[in-house]
Amino acid sequence: MKTVISTDRVAAVELLRKGHVVALPTETVYGLAANALNAIAVAKIFEVKERPRFDPLIVHLPNREWLEKIAELPASDRQLILKLADKFWPGPFTMVLPKGDIVPDIVTAGLRTVAVRLSAHRAFTEIVAELGEPLAAPSANRFGRISPTTAQHVLDELDGRIPLIIDAGATEHGIESTIVAVRDGRIAVLRRGPITEEQLSQFAEISSAVATAKISSPGQFPSHYAPRTPMRLIDKAEGFVPQKDQRVGLLAWDGAFRNAQAFAAFRNLSDRGDLREAAANLFRYLRELDALSLDLIVAERVPSQGLGAAIMDRLERASNR
């Protein structure tokens, strides 16, 4: 199969209607999309990604009206769910809710819940609206690897495995959506992302369920987003000394270090100490360092408040082998 990078959204819709899998840009990362109501098409996502069948997928809705077709809203939490949707949709925000009968079990990995969101990306929105049915769309990379933030990243991962990649440039946020479950009037954070706990706390009490052993939503594996090169977290690059003849790459947060010559390569997440810029650069810089045949990548920890908590979540999973 030849994989084509294109901007032809009509071709994407035609392929999706025929049950094929295509890569689409979202505001978070590039997604590997198939019709969520077509179990055979969804099965192709798992095959292309080499993703375990027990890892559920996010369903991207064509519009807000699809929410109650795909999910059931418990009466006790209905108002809170709708308030969160009003505030954060369209955008990088996913809710895990009781699933409707229309959703194939393969999408939810047999769980009684389904993860749903409404993308804000123009290209994705136009394609899913024209299709007129929801899309299952996990990140467009092989399972456990670094998420793609450009069309070229997708081609590097999946060349020959899918027919089409829709190119819309680099993604805005650079990390995957925040995932929450609404339970008994509280918001449980299942995966940290661009919508922070500080933002969510304005609506209800927050309970973190990020460090759970049970897979109840996408993105909960302890080892994930990982480069092939071994990776380690450090507090500060200053004072770090590589072993003799060891080629070490640095993913820096604090660019004011003075021993840059100790590293074979380095990337600075943000010269301005801007967490949004750091999130947008994270996966791209990890890919660049991973391509340099290094012996080790060391990454400086970032401040863990706000969006920094989501960045640290990705760094910890990437270094957890």
Protein backbone atom coordinates (compact mmCIF):
# COMPACT_ATOMS: atom_id res chain seq x y z
CA MET A 1 0.00 0.00 0.00
CA LYS A 2 1.29 3.45 -0.89
CA THR A 3 0.68 6.12 1.75
CA VAL A 4 -0.10 9.57 0.37
CA ILE A 5 0.19 12.89 2.22
CA SER A 6 -2.47 15.26 0.92
CA THR A 7 -4.87 18.08 1.78
CA ASP A 8 -7.74 16.41 -0.10
CA ARG A 9 -10.51 16.22 2.50
CA VAL A 10 -13.01 14.82 -0.02
CA ALA A 11 -10.72 11.82 -0.56
CA ALA A 12 -10.52 11.32 3.20
CA VAL A 13 -14.32 11.21 3.52
CA GLU A 14 -14.62 8.75 0.62
CA LEU A 15 -12.05 6.41 2.18
CA LEU A 16 -13.74 6.60 5.59
CA ARG A 17 -17.11 5.77 4.02
CA LYS A 18 -15.56 2.68 2.43
CA GLY A 19 -14.30 1.47 5.81
CA HIS A 20 -10.67 2.50 5.45
CA VAL A 21 -8.42 4.10 8.07
CA VAL A 22 -6.91 7.54 7.44
CA ALA A 23 -4.74 9.89 9.49
CA LEU A 24 -6.29 13.24 10.36
CA PRO A 25 -5.00 16.31 12.20
CA THR A 26 -6.62 17.38 15.45
CA GLU A 27 -5.76 20.27 17.74
CA THR A 28 -3.90 17.85 20.02
CA VAL A 29 -1.99 15.29 17.90
CA TYR A 30 -2.61 13.55 14.57
CA GLY A 31 -5.25 10.83 14.89
CA LEU A 32 -5.75 7.49 13.14
CA ALA A 33 -9.40 7.66 12.20
CA ALA A 34 -12.08 5.16 11.20
CA ASN A 35 -15.88 5.17 11.35
CA ALA A 36 -16.62 4.44 15.02
CA LEU A 37 -19.85 2.63 14.16
CA ASN A 38 -18.13 0.21 11.76
CA ALA A 39 -16.56 -2.54 13.87
CA ILE A 40 -14.50 -3.91 10.97
CA ALA A 41 -13.07 -0.46 10.20
CA VAL A 42 -12.25 0.06 13.90
CA ALA A 43 -10.48 -3.31 13.97
CA LYS A 44 -8.12 -1.93 11.31
CA ILE A 45 -7.04 0.82 13.73
CA PHE A 46 -5.86 -1.81 16.21
CA GLU A 47 -4.05 -3.70 13.44
CA VAL A 48 -2.31 -0.63 12.02
CA LYS A 49 -1.23 0.63 15.46
CA GLU A 50 -0.46 -2.84 16.86
CA ARG A 51 -2.61 -1.70 19.77
CA PRO A 52 -3.88 -4.14 22.42
CA ARG A 53 -7.60 -4.83 22.01
CA PHE A 54 -8.18 -4.11 25.70
CA ASP A 55 -7.16 -0.45 25.27
CA PRO A 56 -10.34 1.59 24.48
CA LEU A 57 -10.57 4.34 21.86
CA ILE A 58 -11.92 7.90 21.94
CA VAL A 59 -15.00 8.60 19.83
CA HIS A 60 -14.95 12.00 18.11
CA LEU A 61 -18.46 13.35 17.53
CA PRO A 62 -19.61 15.10 14.33
CA ASN A 63 -21.53 17.60 16.48
CA ARG A 64 -22.99 18.10 19.95
CA GLU A 65 -26.29 16.38 18.99
CA TRP A 66 -24.43 13.07 18.78
CA LEU A 67 -23.53 13.08 22.48
CA GLU A 68 -26.70 11.37 23.64
CA LYS A 69 -26.71 8.97 20.70
CA ILE A 70 -23.26 7.67 21.67
CA ALA A 71 -23.46 7.99 25.46
CA GLU A 72 -26.05 7.86 28.22
CA LEU A 73 -26.06 10.77 30.63
CA PRO A 74 -26.86 9.72 34.22
CA ALA A 75 -29.59 11.92 35.65
CA SER A 76 -27.52 12.68 38.77
CA ASP A 77 -24.60 14.07 36.74
CA ARG A 78 -26.39 15.33 33.66
CA GLN A 79 -26.16 19.03 34.46
CA LEU A 80 -22.45 18.85 35.31
CA ILE A 81 -21.71 16.91 32.11
CA LEU A 82 -23.55 19.47 30.00
CA LYS A 83 -21.80 22.38 31.75
CA LEU A 84 -18.41 20.82 31.02
CA ALA A 85 -19.40 20.29 27.39
CA ASP A 86 -20.57 23.91 27.14
CA LYS A 87 -17.24 25.15 28.50
CA PHE A 88 -14.66 22.88 26.90
CA TRP A 89 -16.21 21.65 23.62
CA PRO A 90 -15.09 21.85 20.94
CA GLY A 91 -11.60 21.39 22.32
CA PRO A 92 -9.01 19.02 23.82
CA PHE A 93 -11.37 17.57 26.41
CA THR A 94 -12.73 14.00 26.62
CA MET A 95 -15.44 12.64 28.92
CA VAL A 96 -15.88 8.96 29.79
CA LEU A 97 -19.60 8.20 30.08
CA PRO A 98 -21.91 5.16 30.10
CA LYS A 99 -21.99 3.93 26.51
CA GLY A 100 -25.00 3.74 24.25
CA ASP A 101 -25.98 0.51 22.49
CA ILE A 102 -24.98 1.98 19.12
CA VAL A 103 -21.25 1.83 20.00
CA PRO A 104 -19.50 -1.43 18.99
CA ASP A 105 -17.79 -3.23 21.86
CA ILE A 106 -14.44 -3.16 20.04
CA VAL A 107 -14.37 0.64 20.41
CA THR A 108 -14.72 0.48 24.20
CA ALA A 109 -12.64 -2.68 24.69
CA GLY A 110 -15.73 -4.32 26.16
CA LEU A 111 -16.18 -1.64 28.83
CA ARG A 112 -19.61 -0.25 29.64
CA THR A 113 -18.27 3.26 29.15
CA VAL A 114 -17.24 5.25 26.09
CA ALA A 115 -14.78 8.16 25.80
CA VAL A 116 -16.19 11.04 23.74
CA ARG A 117 -15.00 14.43 22.59
CA LEU A 118 -15.65 17.14 20.01
CA SER A 119 -12.55 18.32 18.14
CA ALA A 120 -11.88 22.00 17.48
CA HIS A 121 -9.58 21.40 14.49
CA ARG A 122 -11.07 22.83 11.30
CA ALA A 123 -9.95 20.04 8.96
CA PHE A 124 -11.08 17.29 11.32
CA THR A 125 -14.38 19.04 11.98
CA GLU A 126 -15.14 19.40 8.27
CA ILE A 127 -14.32 15.76 7.54
CA VAL A 128 -16.33 14.25 10.41
CA ALA A 129 -19.26 16.56 9.64
CA GLU A 130 -19.27 15.54 5.97
CA LEU A 131 -19.04 11.87 6.94
CA GLY A 132 -22.00 12.41 9.25
CA GLU A 133 -20.94 9.69 11.70
CA PRO A 134 -18.52 9.65 14.65
CA LEU A 135 -14.87 8.73 14.24
CA ALA A 136 -12.71 6.59 16.49
CA ALA A 137 -9.31 8.27 16.36
CA PRO A 138 -6.40 7.40 18.68
CA SER A 139 -2.99 8.93 17.98
CA ALA A 140 -1.58 7.99 14.57
CA ASN A 141 1.50 6.08 15.70
CA ARG A 142 2.43 2.54 16.58
CA PHE A 143 1.30 1.60 20.06
CA GLY A 144 3.42 2.96 22.92
CA ARG A 145 5.50 5.19 20.66
CA ILE A 146 5.80 8.97 20.55
CA SER A 147 2.59 10.66 19.40
CA PRO A 148 2.75 12.47 16.02
CA THR A 149 2.32 16.23 15.76
CA THR A 150 2.98 16.57 12.00
CA ALA A 151 1.98 14.62 8.91
CA GLN A 152 5.62 13.61 8.40
CA HIS A 153 5.67 12.04 11.87
CA VAL A 154 2.69 9.90 10.84
CA LEU A 155 4.43 8.87 7.61
CA ASP A 156 7.56 7.92 9.57
CA GLU A 157 5.43 5.64 11.77
CA LEU A 158 2.82 4.22 9.41
CA ASP A 159 4.15 4.45 5.85
CA GLY A 160 2.62 1.64 3.81
CA ARG A 161 0.02 0.82 6.47
CA ILE A 162 -2.64 3.41 5.60
CA PRO A 163 -3.71 5.00 2.30
CA LEU A 164 -3.91 8.68 3.27
CA ILE A 165 -2.61 11.31 5.69
CA ILE A 166 -4.35 14.69 5.68
CA ASP A 167 -1.72 17.38 6.20
CA ALA A 168 -2.68 20.56 8.08
CA GLY A 169 0.72 21.49 9.53
CA ALA A 170 1.85 21.08 13.11
CA THR A 171 -0.79 20.55 15.78
CA GLU A 172 -1.60 23.33 18.24
CA HIS A 173 -1.43 21.68 21.67
CA GLY A 174 1.07 18.89 20.97
CA ILE A 175 -0.24 16.53 23.69
CA GLU A 176 -3.40 14.45 23.86
CA SER A 177 -6.72 15.61 25.30
CA THR A 178 -7.55 15.70 28.98
CA ILE A 179 -9.77 12.72 29.89
CA VAL A 180 -12.22 12.83 32.79
CA ALA A 181 -15.04 10.76 34.22
CA VAL A 182 -17.97 12.48 35.93
CA ARG A 183 -19.09 10.49 38.95
CA ASP A 184 -21.47 11.46 41.74
CA GLY A 185 -21.00 15.17 41.18
CA ARG A 186 -17.20 14.95 41.09
CA ILE A 187 -14.69 15.03 38.25
CA ALA A 188 -12.13 12.20 38.14
CA VAL A 189 -9.09 13.03 35.99
CA LEU A 190 -8.10 9.88 34.09
CA ARG A 191 -5.46 11.48 31.86
CA ARG A 192 -3.94 14.93 32.21
CA GLY A 193 -3.92 17.19 29.17
CA PRO A 194 -4.40 20.77 27.94
CA ILE A 195 -7.49 21.33 30.11
CA THR A 196 -6.00 21.54 33.58
CA GLU A 197 -7.28 20.45 36.97
CA GLU A 198 -7.29 24.10 37.99
CA GLN A 199 -9.76 24.85 35.18
CA LEU A 200 -11.93 21.86 36.03
CA SER A 201 -12.02 22.65 39.73
CA GLN A 202 -14.23 25.66 38.95
CA PHE A 203 -17.05 23.21 38.18
CA ALA A 204 -16.76 20.46 40.79
CA GLU A 205 -14.50 18.70 43.25
CA ILE A 206 -11.55 17.00 41.53
CA SER A 207 -10.46 13.45 42.27
CA SER A 208 -7.37 12.20 40.43
CA ALA A 209 -7.51 8.67 39.04
CA VAL A 210 -4.42 9.01 36.81
CA ALA A 211 -2.34 6.43 38.68
CA THR A 212 -4.78 3.55 38.41
CA ALA A 213 -3.82 -0.03 37.66
CA LYS A 214 -7.08 -0.72 35.85
CA ILE A 215 -7.41 0.48 32.26
CA SER A 216 -10.67 2.45 32.19
CA SER A 217 -9.88 4.97 29.44
CA PRO A 218 -7.32 5.60 26.68
CA GLY A 219 -3.80 6.69 27.64
CA GLN A 220 -3.50 4.95 31.00
CA PHE A 221 -0.65 2.52 30.34
CA PRO A 222 2.29 3.22 32.70
CA SER A 223 4.75 2.98 29.79
CA HIS A 224 3.65 5.05 26.83
CA TYR A 225 4.75 7.82 24.43
CA ALA A 226 8.21 6.22 24.53
CA PRO A 227 11.26 6.79 22.32
CA ARG A 228 13.33 3.78 21.29
CA THR A 229 16.32 5.38 23.02
CA PRO A 230 16.45 4.76 26.80
CA MET A 231 15.21 7.83 28.66
CA ARG A 232 15.67 9.16 32.17
CA LEU A 233 14.19 12.07 34.12
CA ILE A 234 16.48 14.45 36.01
CA ASP A 235 15.86 17.55 38.09
CA LYS A 236 18.51 19.76 36.48
CA ALA A 237 20.99 19.34 33.63
CA GLU A 238 23.53 21.40 35.55
CA GLY A 239 25.96 18.95 37.12
CA PHE A 240 24.86 15.93 35.05
CA VAL A 241 27.93 14.08 33.77
CA PRO A 242 27.53 11.41 31.06
CA GLN A 243 29.55 8.22 31.40
CA LYS A 244 32.75 7.95 29.35
CA ASP A 245 32.01 7.64 25.62
CA GLN A 246 28.28 7.85 26.31
CA ARG A 247 26.30 9.93 23.81
CA VAL A 248 23.54 11.65 25.75
CA GLY A 249 20.82 13.92 24.45
CA LEU A 250 19.15 16.51 26.68
CA LEU A 251 15.52 17.59 26.61
CA ALA A 252 15.83 20.78 28.62
CA TRP A 253 13.29 22.88 30.45
CA ASP A 254 15.65 25.37 32.07
CA GLY A 255 17.84 26.51 29.16
CA ALA A 256 20.19 28.48 31.39
CA PHE A 257 22.55 25.52 32.00
CA ARG A 258 26.27 26.01 31.37
CA ASN A 259 27.43 22.50 30.51
CA ALA A 260 25.78 22.11 27.11
CA GLN A 261 29.05 20.72 25.76
CA ALA A 262 28.52 17.61 27.90
CA PHE A 263 25.65 16.54 25.63
CA ALA A 264 25.80 15.15 22.14
CA ALA A 265 22.54 17.02 21.36
CA PHE A 266 19.93 19.03 23.18
CA ARG A 267 16.52 20.57 22.65
CA ASN A 268 15.01 23.25 24.86
CA LEU A 269 11.25 22.86 25.34
CA SER A 270 10.77 26.61 25.76
CA ASP A 271 13.29 29.44 25.83
CA ARG A 272 10.65 31.55 27.61
CA GLY A 273 9.66 29.02 30.25
CA ASP A 274 6.22 28.82 28.59
CA LEU A 275 4.38 25.58 29.40
CA ARG A 276 2.12 25.83 26.34
CA GLU A 277 5.14 26.15 24.08
CA ALA A 278 6.79 23.25 25.92
CA ALA A 279 3.74 21.03 25.40
CA ALA A 280 3.60 21.88 21.69
CA ASN A 281 7.31 21.02 21.30
CA LEU A 282 7.43 17.92 23.52
CA PHE A 283 6.76 15.05 21.11
CA ARG A 284 8.55 16.73 18.19
CA TYR A 285 11.74 17.19 20.18
CA LEU A 286 11.55 13.66 21.59
CA ARG A 287 11.33 12.34 18.02
CA GLU A 288 14.28 14.47 16.92
CA LEU A 289 16.47 13.25 19.76
CA ASP A 290 15.33 9.67 19.24
CA ALA A 291 16.51 9.84 15.61
CA LEU A 292 20.12 10.67 16.55
CA SER A 293 21.24 7.16 17.64
CA LEU A 294 22.01 8.33 21.17
CA ASP A 295 22.80 6.06 24.09
CA LEU A 296 20.50 7.93 26.46
CA ILE A 297 18.03 10.82 26.55
CA VAL A 298 17.76 12.77 29.79
CA ALA A 299 14.82 15.10 30.32
CA GLU A 300 14.56 17.86 32.89
CA ARG A 301 11.41 17.84 34.98
CA VAL A 302 9.08 20.76 34.39
CA PRO A 303 7.00 22.54 37.03
CA SER A 304 4.08 20.21 37.81
CA GLN A 305 1.33 22.80 38.19
CA GLY A 306 -1.24 23.52 35.47
CA LEU A 307 -0.27 22.26 32.03
CA GLY A 308 3.09 21.17 33.48
CA ALA A 309 1.30 18.25 35.18
CA ALA A 310 0.25 16.93 31.76
CA ILE A 311 3.78 17.33 30.37
CA MET A 312 5.22 15.49 33.37
CA ASP A 313 2.65 12.72 32.88
CA ARG A 314 3.97 12.17 29.34
CA LEU A 315 7.63 12.36 30.41
CA GLU A 316 7.12 9.87 33.24
CA ARG A 317 5.37 7.39 30.97
CA ALA A 318 8.00 7.85 28.23
CA SER A 319 10.78 7.03 30.69
CA ASN A 320 8.98 4.12 32.38
CA ARG A 321 10.42 0.94 30.86
